[in-house]
PDB file of N, CA and C in Angstrom:
ATOM      1  N   MET A   1    -103.846-103.617-109.827  1.00  0.00           N
ATOM      2  CA  MET A   1    -103.761-105.083-109.774  1.00  0.00           C
ATOM      3  C   MET A   1    -102.342-105.493-109.954  1.00  0.00           C
ATOM      4  N   GLU A   2    -101.897-106.389-109.106  1.00  0.00           N
ATOM      5  CA  GLU A   2    -100.549-106.915-109.150  1.00  0.00           C
ATOM      6  C   GLU A   2    -100.432-108.054-110.161  1.00  0.00           C
ATOM      7  N   LEU A   3     -99.287-108.148-110.794  1.00  0.00           N
ATOM      8  CA  LEU A   3     -99.037-109.194-111.804  1.00  0.00           C
ATOM      9  C   LEU A   3     -99.172-110.588-111.203  1.00  0.00           C
ATOM     10  N   TRP A   4     -98.788-110.734-109.931  1.00  0.00           N
ATOM     11  CA  TRP A   4     -98.778-112.050-109.291  1.00  0.00           C
ATOM     12  C   TRP A   4    -100.001-112.330-108.428  1.00  0.00           C
ATOM     13  N   ASP A   5    -101.108-111.680-108.751  1.00  0.00           N
ATOM     14  CA  ASP A   5    -102.385-111.901-108.033  1.00  0.00           C
ATOM     15  C   ASP A   5    -103.471-112.277-109.003  1.00  0.00           C
ATOM     16  N   TYR A   6    -104.424-113.081-108.528  1.00  0.00           N
ATOM     17  CA  TYR A   6    -105.607-113.393-109.336  1.00  0.00           C
ATOM     18  C   TYR A   6    -106.520-112.192-109.344  1.00  0.00           C
ATOM     19  N   HIS A   7    -107.253-111.965-110.450  1.00  0.00           N
ATOM     20  CA  HIS A   7    -108.277-110.951-110.486  1.00  0.00           C
ATOM     21  C   HIS A   7    -109.381-111.354-109.494  1.00  0.00           C
ATOM     22  N   PRO A   8    -109.895-110.426-108.745  1.00  0.00           N
ATOM     23  CA  PRO A   8    -110.936-110.771-107.773  1.00  0.00           C
ATOM     24  C   PRO A   8    -112.194-111.376-108.445  1.00  0.00           C
ATOM     25  N   ASP A   9    -112.483-110.947-109.656  1.00  0.00           N
ATOM     26  CA  ASP A   9    -113.666-111.461-110.324  1.00  0.00           C
ATOM     27  C   ASP A   9    -113.381-112.807-111.035  1.00  0.00           C
ATOM     28  N   VAL A  10    -112.134-113.276-110.968  1.00  0.00           N
ATOM     29  CA  VAL A  10    -111.768-114.560-111.590  1.00  0.00           C
ATOM     30  C   VAL A  10    -111.642-115.663-110.538  1.00  0.00           C
ATOM     31  N   TYR A  11    -111.024-115.344-109.429  1.00  0.00           N
ATOM     32  CA  TYR A  11    -110.787-116.315-108.363  1.00  0.00           C
ATOM     33  C   TYR A  11    -111.147-115.706-107.012  1.00  0.00           C
ATOM     34  N   ASP A  12    -112.075-116.328-106.328  1.00  0.00           N
ATOM     35  CA  ASP A  12    -112.528-115.894-105.035  1.00  0.00           C
ATOM     36  C   ASP A  12    -111.711-116.651-103.932  1.00  0.00           C
ATOM     37  N   ARG A  13    -110.826-115.922-103.262  1.00  0.00           N
ATOM     38  CA  ARG A  13    -109.924-116.576-102.307  1.00  0.00           C
ATOM     39  C   ARG A  13    -110.669-117.211-101.126  1.00  0.00           C
ATOM     40  N   SER A  14    -111.910-116.839-100.923  1.00  0.00           N
ATOM     41  CA  SER A  14    -112.649-117.446 -99.824  1.00  0.00           C
ATOM     42  C   SER A  14    -113.165-118.870-100.154  1.00  0.00           C
ATOM     43  N   LYS A  15    -113.024-119.275-101.411  1.00  0.00           N
ATOM     44  CA  LYS A  15    -113.439-120.590-101.830  1.00  0.00           C
ATOM     45  C   LYS A  15    -112.200-121.403-102.251  1.00  0.00           C
ATOM     46  N   SER A  16    -112.235-122.672-101.960  1.00  0.00           N
ATOM     47  CA  SER A  16    -111.182-123.550-102.313  1.00  0.00           C
ATOM     48  C   SER A  16    -111.321-124.059-103.739  1.00  0.00           C
ATOM     49  N   LEU A  17    -110.228-123.947-104.496  1.00  0.00           N
ATOM     50  CA  LEU A  17    -110.221-124.383-105.888  1.00  0.00           C
ATOM     51  C   LEU A  17    -108.859-124.888-106.280  1.00  0.00           C
ATOM     52  N   ASP A  18    -108.757-126.126-106.728  1.00  0.00           N
ATOM     53  CA  ASP A  18    -107.500-126.663-107.180  1.00  0.00           C
ATOM     54  C   ASP A  18    -107.479-126.687-108.735  1.00  0.00           C
ATOM     55  N   LEU A  19    -106.638-125.897-109.346  1.00  0.00           N
ATOM     56  CA  LEU A  19    -106.599-125.790-110.779  1.00  0.00           C
ATOM     57  C   LEU A  19    -105.736-126.875-111.478  1.00  0.00           C
ATOM     58  N   THR A  20    -105.071-127.725-110.690  1.00  0.00           N
ATOM     59  CA  THR A  20    -104.259-128.739-111.247  1.00  0.00           C
ATOM     60  C   THR A  20    -105.063-129.603-112.176  1.00  0.00           C
ATOM     61  N   GLY A  21    -104.548-129.833-113.391  1.00  0.00           N
ATOM     62  CA  GLY A  21    -105.198-130.653-114.437  1.00  0.00           C
ATOM     63  C   GLY A  21    -106.150-129.915-115.334  1.00  0.00           C
ATOM     64  N   TYR A  22    -106.480-128.659-114.983  1.00  0.00           N
ATOM     65  CA  TYR A  22    -107.351-127.836-115.839  1.00  0.00           C
ATOM     66  C   TYR A  22    -106.635-127.582-117.184  1.00  0.00           C
ATOM     67  N   HIS A  23    -107.412-127.531-118.278  1.00  0.00           N
ATOM     68  CA  HIS A  23    -106.879-127.169-119.591  1.00  0.00           C
ATOM     69  C   HIS A  23    -106.652-125.667-119.606  1.00  0.00           C
ATOM     70  N   VAL A  24    -105.560-125.239-120.236  1.00  0.00           N
ATOM     71  CA  VAL A  24    -105.254-123.806-120.339  1.00  0.00           C
ATOM     72  C   VAL A  24    -105.492-123.372-121.793  1.00  0.00           C
ATOM     73  N   GLN A  25    -106.325-122.323-121.931  1.00  0.00           N
ATOM     74  CA  GLN A  25    -106.668-121.806-123.208  1.00  0.00           C
ATOM     75  C   GLN A  25    -106.072-120.412-123.400  1.00  0.00           C
ATOM     76  N   ALA A  26    -105.159-120.281-124.353  1.00  0.00           N
ATOM     77  CA  ALA A  26    -104.654-118.950-124.745  1.00  0.00           C
ATOM     78  C   ALA A  26    -105.706-118.261-125.573  1.00  0.00           C
ATOM     79  N   THR A  27    -105.459-117.050-125.955  1.00  0.00           N
ATOM     80  CA  THR A  27    -106.479-116.341-126.748  1.00  0.00           C
ATOM     81  C   THR A  27    -106.688-116.963-128.118  1.00  0.00           C
ATOM     82  N   ASP A  28    -105.717-117.783-128.552  1.00  0.00           N
ATOM     83  CA  ASP A  28    -105.807-118.419-129.837  1.00  0.00           C
ATOM     84  C   ASP A  28    -105.750-119.937-129.786  1.00  0.00           C
ATOM     85  N   GLY A  29    -106.133-120.527-128.684  1.00  0.00           N
ATOM     86  CA  GLY A  29    -106.198-121.961-128.603  1.00  0.00           C
ATOM     87  C   GLY A  29    -105.519-122.599-127.375  1.00  0.00           C
ATOM     88  N   LYS A  30    -105.730-123.886-127.241  1.00  0.00           N
ATOM     89  CA  LYS A  30    -105.210-124.650-126.077  1.00  0.00           C
ATOM     90  C   LYS A  30    -103.686-124.689-126.093  1.00  0.00           C
ATOM     91  N   ILE A  31    -103.092-124.491-124.893  1.00  0.00           N
ATOM     92  CA  ILE A  31    -101.647-124.571-124.780  1.00  0.00           C
ATOM     93  C   ILE A  31    -101.184-125.672-123.888  1.00  0.00           C
ATOM     94  N   GLY A  32    -102.048-126.312-123.134  1.00  0.00           N
ATOM     95  CA  GLY A  32    -101.606-127.381-122.241  1.00  0.00           C
ATOM     96  C   GLY A  32    -102.534-127.488-121.033  1.00  0.00           C
ATOM     97  N   SER A  33    -101.973-128.000-119.936  1.00  0.00           N
ATOM     98  CA  SER A  33    -102.757-128.152-118.705  1.00  0.00           C
ATOM     99  C   SER A  33    -101.943-127.671-117.517  1.00  0.00           C
ATOM    100  N   VAL A  34    -102.694-127.287-116.468  1.00  0.00           N
ATOM    101  CA  VAL A  34    -102.055-126.777-115.233  1.00  0.00           C
ATOM    102  C   VAL A  34    -101.364-127.954-114.527  1.00  0.00           C
ATOM    103  N   ASP A  35    -100.112-127.777-114.304  1.00  0.00           N
ATOM    104  CA  ASP A  35     -99.273-128.766-113.579  1.00  0.00           C
ATOM    105  C   ASP A  35     -99.249-128.405-112.114  1.00  0.00           C
ATOM    106  N   GLU A  36     -99.217-127.118-111.832  1.00  0.00           N
ATOM    107  CA  GLU A  36     -99.144-126.618-110.449  1.00  0.00           C
ATOM    108  C   GLU A  36     -99.771-125.276-110.435  1.00  0.00           C
ATOM    109  N   ALA A  37    -100.410-124.912-109.302  1.00  0.00           N
ATOM    110  CA  ALA A  37    -100.973-123.562-109.119  1.00  0.00           C
ATOM    111  C   ALA A  37    -100.733-123.162-107.678  1.00  0.00           C
ATOM    112  N   THR A  38    -100.463-121.857-107.503  1.00  0.00           N
ATOM    113  CA  THR A  38    -100.301-121.278-106.123  1.00  0.00           C
ATOM    114  C   THR A  38    -101.324-120.211-105.915  1.00  0.00           C
ATOM    115  N   TYR A  39    -101.620-119.922-104.658  1.00  0.00           N
ATOM    116  CA  TYR A  39    -102.711-119.032-104.345  1.00  0.00           C
ATOM    117  C   TYR A  39    -102.347-117.986-103.279  1.00  0.00           C
ATOM    118  N   GLN A  40    -101.032-117.740-103.090  1.00  0.00           N
ATOM    119  CA  GLN A  40    -100.612-116.747-102.070  1.00  0.00           C
ATOM    120  C   GLN A  40    -100.789-115.326-102.629  1.00  0.00           C
ATOM    121  N   VAL A  41    -101.241-114.480-101.806  1.00  0.00           N
ATOM    122  CA  VAL A  41    -101.453-113.055-102.210  1.00  0.00           C
ATOM    123  C   VAL A  41    -100.066-112.481-102.629  1.00  0.00           C
ATOM    124  N   GLY A  42    -100.019-111.925-103.824  1.00  0.00           N
ATOM    125  CA  GLY A  42     -98.788-111.301-104.341  1.00  0.00           C
ATOM    126  C   GLY A  42     -97.740-112.271-104.878  1.00  0.00           C
ATOM    127  N   GLU A  43     -98.046-113.562-104.837  1.00  0.00           N
ATOM    128  CA  GLU A  43     -97.091-114.549-105.297  1.00  0.00           C
ATOM    129  C   GLU A  43     -97.742-115.683-106.066  1.00  0.00           C
ATOM    130  N   SER A  44     -98.869-115.467-106.682  1.00  0.00           N
ATOM    131  CA  SER A  44     -99.636-116.494-107.309  1.00  0.00           C
ATOM    132  C   SER A  44     -99.273-116.683-108.776  1.00  0.00           C
ATOM    133  N   TYR A  45     -99.204-117.941-109.179  1.00  0.00           N
ATOM    134  CA  TYR A  45     -98.894-118.284-110.547  1.00  0.00           C
ATOM    135  C   TYR A  45     -99.415-119.687-110.864  1.00  0.00           C
ATOM    136  N   VAL A  46     -99.396-120.026-112.158  1.00  0.00           N
ATOM    137  CA  VAL A  46     -99.662-121.418-112.589  1.00  0.00           C
ATOM    138  C   VAL A  46     -98.506-121.836-113.442  1.00  0.00           C
ATOM    139  N   ILE A  47     -98.172-123.118-113.301  1.00  0.00           N
ATOM    140  CA  ILE A  47     -97.181-123.735-114.155  1.00  0.00           C
ATOM    141  C   ILE A  47     -97.974-124.591-115.148  1.00  0.00           C
ATOM    142  N   VAL A  48     -97.728-124.376-116.415  1.00  0.00           N
ATOM    143  CA  VAL A  48     -98.454-125.097-117.474  1.00  0.00           C
ATOM    144  C   VAL A  48     -97.535-126.105-118.166  1.00  0.00           C
ATOM    145  N   ASP A  49     -97.986-127.343-118.195  1.00  0.00           N
ATOM    146  CA  ASP A  49     -97.285-128.371-118.942  1.00  0.00           C
ATOM    147  C   ASP A  49     -97.816-128.292-120.378  1.00  0.00           C
ATOM    148  N   THR A  50     -96.974-127.888-121.315  1.00  0.00           N
ATOM    149  CA  THR A  50     -97.437-127.637-122.713  1.00  0.00           C
ATOM    150  C   THR A  50     -97.529-128.944-123.519  1.00  0.00           C
ATOM    151  N   GLY A  51     -97.095-130.068-122.944  1.00  0.00           N
ATOM    152  CA  GLY A  51     -97.178-131.343-123.700  1.00  0.00           C
ATOM    153  C   GLY A  51     -96.487-131.212-125.042  1.00  0.00           C
ATOM    154  N   PRO A  52     -97.049-131.781-126.077  1.00  0.00           N
ATOM    155  CA  PRO A  52     -96.386-131.731-127.373  1.00  0.00           C
ATOM    156  C   PRO A  52     -96.344-130.398-128.083  1.00  0.00           C
ATOM    157  N   TRP A  53     -97.133-129.418-127.556  1.00  0.00           N
ATOM    158  CA  TRP A  53     -97.200-128.100-128.201  1.00  0.00           C
ATOM    159  C   TRP A  53     -95.808-127.470-128.239  1.00  0.00           C
ATOM    160  N   ILE A  54     -95.107-127.396-127.139  1.00  0.00           N
ATOM    161  CA  ILE A  54     -93.705-126.889-127.119  1.00  0.00           C
ATOM    162  C   ILE A  54     -92.767-128.022-126.676  1.00  0.00           C
ATOM    163  N   PHE A  55     -92.971-129.167-127.244  1.00  0.00           N
ATOM    164  CA  PHE A  55     -92.097-130.302-126.980  1.00  0.00           C
ATOM    165  C   PHE A  55     -91.971-130.656-125.488  1.00  0.00           C
ATOM    166  N   GLY A  56     -93.088-130.652-124.786  1.00  0.00           N
ATOM    167  CA  GLY A  56     -93.102-131.103-123.416  1.00  0.00           C
ATOM    168  C   GLY A  56     -92.564-130.129-122.377  1.00  0.00           C
ATOM    169  N   LYS A  57     -92.342-128.885-122.804  1.00  0.00           N
ATOM    170  CA  LYS A  57     -91.843-127.905-121.844  1.00  0.00           C
ATOM    171  C   LYS A  57     -92.932-127.364-120.947  1.00  0.00           C
ATOM    172  N   LYS A  58     -92.495-126.728-119.886  1.00  0.00           N
ATOM    173  CA  LYS A  58     -93.415-126.083-118.944  1.00  0.00           C
ATOM    174  C   LYS A  58     -93.211-124.568-119.075  1.00  0.00           C
ATOM    175  N   VAL A  59     -94.267-123.804-118.733  1.00  0.00           N
ATOM    176  CA  VAL A  59     -94.164-122.374-118.704  1.00  0.00           C
ATOM    177  C   VAL A  59     -94.760-121.892-117.400  1.00  0.00           C
ATOM    178  N   LEU A  60     -94.250-120.745-116.915  1.00  0.00           N
ATOM    179  CA  LEU A  60     -94.793-120.122-115.727  1.00  0.00           C
ATOM    180  C   LEU A  60     -95.602-118.907-116.129  1.00  0.00           C
ATOM    181  N   LEU A  61     -96.852-118.843-115.666  1.00  0.00           N
ATOM    182  CA  LEU A  61     -97.732-117.721-115.960  1.00  0.00           C
ATOM    183  C   LEU A  61     -98.149-117.029-114.695  1.00  0.00           C
ATOM    184  N   PRO A  62     -97.942-115.719-114.595  1.00  0.00           N
ATOM    185  CA  PRO A  62     -98.414-114.970-113.411  1.00  0.00           C
ATOM    186  C   PRO A  62     -99.945-115.071-113.372  1.00  0.00           C
ATOM    187  N   ALA A  63    -100.482-115.125-112.154  1.00  0.00           N
ATOM    188  CA  ALA A  63    -101.924-115.274-111.980  1.00  0.00           C
ATOM    189  C   ALA A  63    -102.779-114.199-112.677  1.00  0.00           C
ATOM    190  N   SER A  64    -102.212-113.005-112.805  1.00  0.00           N
ATOM    191  CA  SER A  64    -103.007-111.922-113.390  1.00  0.00           C
ATOM    192  C   SER A  64    -103.341-112.130-114.879  1.00  0.00           C
ATOM    193  N   VAL A  65    -102.654-113.038-115.575  1.00  0.00           N
ATOM    194  CA  VAL A  65    -102.963-113.273-116.963  1.00  0.00           C
ATOM    195  C   VAL A  65    -104.205-114.142-117.138  1.00  0.00           C
ATOM    196  N   ILE A  66    -104.674-114.730-116.009  1.00  0.00           N
ATOM    197  CA  ILE A  66    -105.907-115.554-116.074  1.00  0.00           C
ATOM    198  C   ILE A  66    -107.117-114.648-116.112  1.00  0.00           C
ATOM    199  N   THR A  67    -107.938-114.813-117.115  1.00  0.00           N
ATOM    200  CA  THR A  67    -109.122-113.979-117.288  1.00  0.00           C
ATOM    201  C   THR A  67    -110.411-114.665-116.899  1.00  0.00           C
ATOM    202  N   LYS A  68    -110.371-116.026-116.869  1.00  0.00           N
ATOM    203  CA  LYS A  68    -111.589-116.766-116.564  1.00  0.00           C
ATOM    204  C   LYS A  68    -111.236-118.146-116.140  1.00  0.00           C
ATOM    205  N   ILE A  69    -111.969-118.695-115.168  1.00  0.00           N
ATOM    206  CA  ILE A  69    -111.792-120.068-114.701  1.00  0.00           C
ATOM    207  C   ILE A  69    -113.207-120.693-114.869  1.00  0.00           C
ATOM    208  N   ASP A  70    -113.271-121.809-115.602  1.00  0.00           N
ATOM    209  CA  ASP A  70    -114.516-122.537-115.784  1.00  0.00           C
ATOM    210  C   ASP A  70    -114.447-123.920-115.096  1.00  0.00           C
ATOM    211  N   PRO A  71    -114.934-124.000-113.855  1.00  0.00           N
ATOM    212  CA  PRO A  71    -114.815-125.248-113.070  1.00  0.00           C
ATOM    213  C   PRO A  71    -115.598-126.399-113.714  1.00  0.00           C
ATOM    214  N   GLN A  72    -116.710-126.115-114.382  1.00  0.00           N
ATOM    215  CA  GLN A  72    -117.504-127.173-115.002  1.00  0.00           C
ATOM    216  C   GLN A  72    -116.723-127.836-116.179  1.00  0.00           C
ATOM    217  N   GLU A  73    -116.100-127.029-117.024  1.00  0.00           N
ATOM    218  CA  GLU A  73    -115.352-127.557-118.158  1.00  0.00           C
ATOM    219  C   GLU A  73    -113.882-127.829-117.826  1.00  0.00           C
ATOM    220  N   ARG A  74    -113.507-127.405-116.587  1.00  0.00           N
ATOM    221  CA  ARG A  74    -112.104-127.518-116.169  1.00  0.00           C
ATOM    222  C   ARG A  74    -111.112-126.808-117.126  1.00  0.00           C
ATOM    223  N   ASP A  75    -111.501-125.539-117.417  1.00  0.00           N
ATOM    224  CA  ASP A  75    -110.707-124.720-118.322  1.00  0.00           C
ATOM    225  C   ASP A  75    -110.240-123.450-117.587  1.00  0.00           C
ATOM    226  N   VAL A  76    -109.028-123.036-117.915  1.00  0.00           N
ATOM    227  CA  VAL A  76    -108.451-121.751-117.439  1.00  0.00           C
ATOM    228  C   VAL A  76    -108.154-120.960-118.717  1.00  0.00           C
ATOM    229  N   TYR A  77    -108.638-119.749-118.762  1.00  0.00           N
ATOM    230  CA  TYR A  77    -108.390-118.881-119.962  1.00  0.00           C
ATOM    231  C   TYR A  77    -107.438-117.802-119.583  1.00  0.00           C
ATOM    232  N   VAL A  78    -106.462-117.571-120.501  1.00  0.00           N
ATOM    233  CA  VAL A  78    -105.403-116.546-120.213  1.00  0.00           C
ATOM    234  C   VAL A  78    -105.451-115.495-121.309  1.00  0.00           C
ATOM    235  N   SER A  79    -104.926-114.324-120.994  1.00  0.00           N
ATOM    236  CA  SER A  79    -105.017-113.201-121.897  1.00  0.00           C
ATOM    237  C   SER A  79    -103.783-113.042-122.777  1.00  0.00           C
ATOM    238  N   ARG A  80    -103.130-114.134-123.113  1.00  0.00           N
ATOM    239  CA  ARG A  80    -101.948-114.084-123.931  1.00  0.00           C
ATOM    240  C   ARG A  80    -102.096-115.083-125.080  1.00  0.00           C
ATOM    241  N   THR A  81    -101.410-114.804-126.202  1.00  0.00           N
ATOM    242  CA  THR A  81    -101.440-115.705-127.357  1.00  0.00           C
ATOM    243  C   THR A  81    -100.441-116.840-127.155  1.00  0.00           C
ATOM    244  N   LYS A  82    -100.574-117.836-127.980  1.00  0.00           N
ATOM    245  CA  LYS A  82     -99.630-118.960-127.923  1.00  0.00           C
ATOM    246  C   LYS A  82     -98.195-118.454-128.131  1.00  0.00           C
ATOM    247  N   GLU A  83     -98.045-117.590-129.115  1.00  0.00           N
ATOM    248  CA  GLU A  83     -96.689-117.040-129.447  1.00  0.00           C
ATOM    249  C   GLU A  83     -96.086-116.294-128.261  1.00  0.00           C
ATOM    250  N   GLU A  84     -96.913-115.436-127.604  1.00  0.00           N
ATOM    251  CA  GLU A  84     -96.430-114.712-126.444  1.00  0.00           C
ATOM    252  C   GLU A  84     -95.972-115.636-125.321  1.00  0.00           C
ATOM    253  N   ILE A  85     -96.724-116.714-125.111  1.00  0.00           N
ATOM    254  CA  ILE A  85     -96.375-117.639-124.068  1.00  0.00           C
ATOM    255  C   ILE A  85     -95.134-118.443-124.487  1.00  0.00           C
ATOM    256  N   LYS A  86     -95.049-118.831-125.727  1.00  0.00           N
ATOM    257  CA  LYS A  86     -93.903-119.586-126.230  1.00  0.00           C
ATOM    258  C   LYS A  86     -92.634-118.756-126.102  1.00  0.00           C
ATOM    259  N   ASN A  87     -92.722-117.451-126.279  1.00  0.00           N
ATOM    260  CA  ASN A  87     -91.551-116.587-126.216  1.00  0.00           C
ATOM    261  C   ASN A  87     -91.145-116.119-124.795  1.00  0.00           C
ATOM    262  N   ALA A  88     -91.903-116.555-123.810  1.00  0.00           N
ATOM    263  CA  ALA A  88     -91.621-116.198-122.416  1.00  0.00           C
ATOM    264  C   ALA A  88     -90.297-116.755-121.999  1.00  0.00           C
ATOM    265  N   PRO A  89     -89.700-116.229-120.899  1.00  0.00           N
ATOM    266  CA  PRO A  89     -88.444-116.822-120.400  1.00  0.00           C
ATOM    267  C   PRO A  89     -88.632-118.323-120.184  1.00  0.00           C
ATOM    268  N   GLU A  90     -87.592-119.059-120.575  1.00  0.00           N
ATOM    269  CA  GLU A  90     -87.647-120.516-120.443  1.00  0.00           C
ATOM    270  C   GLU A  90     -87.790-120.960-119.000  1.00  0.00           C
ATOM    271  N   PHE A  91     -88.694-121.862-118.725  1.00  0.00           N
ATOM    272  CA  PHE A  91     -88.970-122.368-117.382  1.00  0.00           C
ATOM    273  C   PHE A  91     -87.760-123.147-116.888  1.00  0.00           C
ATOM    274  N   ASP A  92     -87.363-122.876-115.636  1.00  0.00           N
ATOM    275  CA  ASP A  92     -86.229-123.540-115.039  1.00  0.00           C
ATOM    276  C   ASP A  92     -86.770-124.235-113.757  1.00  0.00           C
ATOM    277  N   GLU A  93     -86.884-125.545-113.799  1.00  0.00           N
ATOM    278  CA  GLU A  93     -87.425-126.303-112.676  1.00  0.00           C
ATOM    279  C   GLU A  93     -86.679-126.069-111.410  1.00  0.00           C
ATOM    280  N   ALA A  94     -85.380-125.852-111.502  1.00  0.00           N
ATOM    281  CA  ALA A  94     -84.526-125.644-110.288  1.00  0.00           C
ATOM    282  C   ALA A  94     -84.595-124.224-109.751  1.00  0.00           C
ATOM    283  N   ARG A  95     -84.974-123.261-110.567  1.00  0.00           N
ATOM    284  CA  ARG A  95     -84.857-121.845-110.161  1.00  0.00           C
ATOM    285  C   ARG A  95     -86.169-121.036-110.201  1.00  0.00           C
ATOM    286  N   TYR A  96     -87.292-121.644-110.604  1.00  0.00           N
ATOM    287  CA  TYR A  96     -88.497-120.849-110.789  1.00  0.00           C
ATOM    288  C   TYR A  96     -89.040-120.204-109.543  1.00  0.00           C
ATOM    289  N   LYS A  97     -88.640-120.633-108.365  1.00  0.00           N
ATOM    290  CA  LYS A  97     -89.132-120.002-107.135  1.00  0.00           C
ATOM    291  C   LYS A  97     -88.209-118.893-106.639  1.00  0.00           C
ATOM    292  N   GLU A  98     -87.088-118.720-107.322  1.00  0.00           N
ATOM    293  CA  GLU A  98     -86.142-117.688-106.960  1.00  0.00           C
ATOM    294  C   GLU A  98     -86.597-116.316-107.438  1.00  0.00           C
ATOM    295  N   PRO A  99     -86.324-115.284-106.640  1.00  0.00           N
ATOM    296  CA  PRO A  99     -86.791-113.947-107.007  1.00  0.00           C
ATOM    297  C   PRO A  99     -86.307-113.459-108.390  1.00  0.00           C
ATOM    298  N   GLU A 100     -85.064-113.814-108.787  1.00  0.00           N
ATOM    299  CA  GLU A 100     -84.531-113.395-110.060  1.00  0.00           C
ATOM    300  C   GLU A 100     -85.334-113.946-111.240  1.00  0.00           C
ATOM    301  N   PHE A 101     -85.720-115.201-111.123  1.00  0.00           N
ATOM    302  CA  PHE A 101     -86.499-115.831-112.185  1.00  0.00           C
ATOM    303  C   PHE A 101     -87.883-115.192-112.244  1.00  0.00           C
ATOM    304  N   ARG A 102     -88.479-114.963-111.095  1.00  0.00           N
ATOM    305  CA  ARG A 102     -89.837-114.313-111.078  1.00  0.00           C
ATOM    306  C   ARG A 102     -89.734-112.882-111.612  1.00  0.00           C
ATOM    307  N   THR A 103     -88.658-112.191-111.282  1.00  0.00           N
ATOM    308  CA  THR A 103     -88.514-110.813-111.786  1.00  0.00           C
ATOM    309  C   THR A 103     -88.412-110.796-113.324  1.00  0.00           C
ATOM    310  N   ARG A 104     -87.615-111.712-113.862  1.00  0.00           N
ATOM    311  CA  ARG A 104     -87.411-111.779-115.298  1.00  0.00           C
ATOM    312  C   ARG A 104     -88.761-112.173-115.996  1.00  0.00           C
ATOM    313  N   THR A 105     -89.451-113.138-115.404  1.00  0.00           N
ATOM    314  CA  THR A 105     -90.744-113.511-115.989  1.00  0.00           C
ATOM    315  C   THR A 105     -91.753-112.377-115.851  1.00  0.00           C
ATOM    316  N   GLY A 106     -91.779-111.694-114.708  1.00  0.00           N
ATOM    317  CA  GLY A 106     -92.660-110.563-114.512  1.00  0.00           C
ATOM    318  C   GLY A 106     -92.386-109.417-115.448  1.00  0.00           C
ATOM    319  N   GLU A 107     -91.108-109.146-115.715  1.00  0.00           N
ATOM    320  CA  GLU A 107     -90.750-108.092-116.690  1.00  0.00           C
ATOM    321  C   GLU A 107     -91.265-108.445-118.086  1.00  0.00           C
ATOM    322  N   TYR A 108     -91.169-109.715-118.452  1.00  0.00           N
ATOM    323  CA  TYR A 108     -91.670-110.162-119.765  1.00  0.00           C
ATOM    324  C   TYR A 108     -93.168-109.945-119.887  1.00  0.00           C
ATOM    325  N   TYR A 109     -93.927-110.487-118.921  1.00  0.00           N
ATOM    326  CA  TYR A 109     -95.385-110.368-119.004  1.00  0.00           C
ATOM    327  C   TYR A 109     -95.864-108.953-118.757  1.00  0.00           C
ATOM    328  N   GLY A 110     -95.150-108.195-117.937  1.00  0.00           N
ATOM    329  CA  GLY A 110     -95.521-106.857-117.614  1.00  0.00           C
ATOM    330  C   GLY A 110     -95.414-105.844-118.754  1.00  0.00           C
ATOM    331  N   ARG A 111     -94.694-106.211-119.788  1.00  0.00           N
ATOM    332  CA  ARG A 111     -94.505-105.303-120.898  1.00  0.00           C
ATOM    333  C   ARG A 111     -95.634-105.255-121.891  1.00  0.00           C
ATOM    334  N   PHE A 112     -96.523-106.228-121.790  1.00  0.00           N
ATOM    335  CA  PHE A 112     -97.646-106.269-122.730  1.00  0.00           C
ATOM    336  C   PHE A 112     -98.680-105.194-122.391  1.00  0.00           C
ATOM    337  N   PRO A 113     -99.308-104.632-123.429  1.00  0.00           N
ATOM    338  CA  PRO A 113    -100.342-103.601-123.163  1.00  0.00           C
ATOM    339  C   PRO A 113    -101.504-104.180-122.367  1.00  0.00           C
ATOM    340  N   LYS A 114    -102.061-103.379-121.591  1.00  0.00           N
ATOM    341  CA  LYS A 114    -103.240-103.786-120.793  1.00  0.00           C
ATOM    342  C   LYS A 114    -104.466-103.484-121.599  1.00  0.00           C
ATOM    343  N   GLY A 115    -105.177-104.530-121.947  1.00  0.00           N
ATOM    344  CA  GLY A 115    -106.373-104.386-122.722  1.00  0.00           C
ATOM    345  C   GLY A 115    -107.595-104.946-121.956  1.00  0.00           C
ATOM    346  N   PRO A 116    -108.703-105.107-122.622  1.00  0.00           N
ATOM    347  CA  PRO A 116    -109.877-105.694-121.960  1.00  0.00           C
ATOM    348  C   PRO A 116    -109.549-107.056-121.399  1.00  0.00           C
ATOM    349  N   GLY A 117    -109.888-107.244-120.143  1.00  0.00           N
ATOM    350  CA  GLY A 117    -109.695-108.524-119.486  1.00  0.00           C
ATOM    351  C   GLY A 117    -108.267-108.754-119.021  1.00  0.00           C
ATOM    352  N   THR A 118    -107.380-107.744-119.138  1.00  0.00           N
ATOM    353  CA  THR A 118    -106.013-107.879-118.702  1.00  0.00           C
ATOM    354  C   THR A 118    -105.714-106.818-117.630  1.00  0.00           C
ATOM    355  N   PHE A 119    -104.695-107.052-116.868  1.00  0.00           N
ATOM    356  CA  PHE A 119    -104.291-106.086-115.855  1.00  0.00           C
ATOM    357  C   PHE A 119    -102.820-105.913-115.917  1.00  0.00           C
TER     358      PHE A 119
END
């Protein structure tokens, strides 16, 4: 499983789903809401607006950290704690689509052990 892909049992690419506005739940509580989501094979991610939790900052999460999507409750569950997400490379609005930024973010999330529900 690639870091920048959704798990096949979490998101079915044959169905249309817009995650914008969904609440994002870390393993230890809510961290914000989805500001933007992409669905390209090998390049998928969500940008989370953390609101007051981290003083209005945004974070970039690779699609593989998503463990569950609940369309009825409009929730996205991720396999990382609030602290792990807070310590991720700082989001850069001007550079987040550049390969260097994605590489740095991927290296950060890729270092975590793979446990149940993670890839």
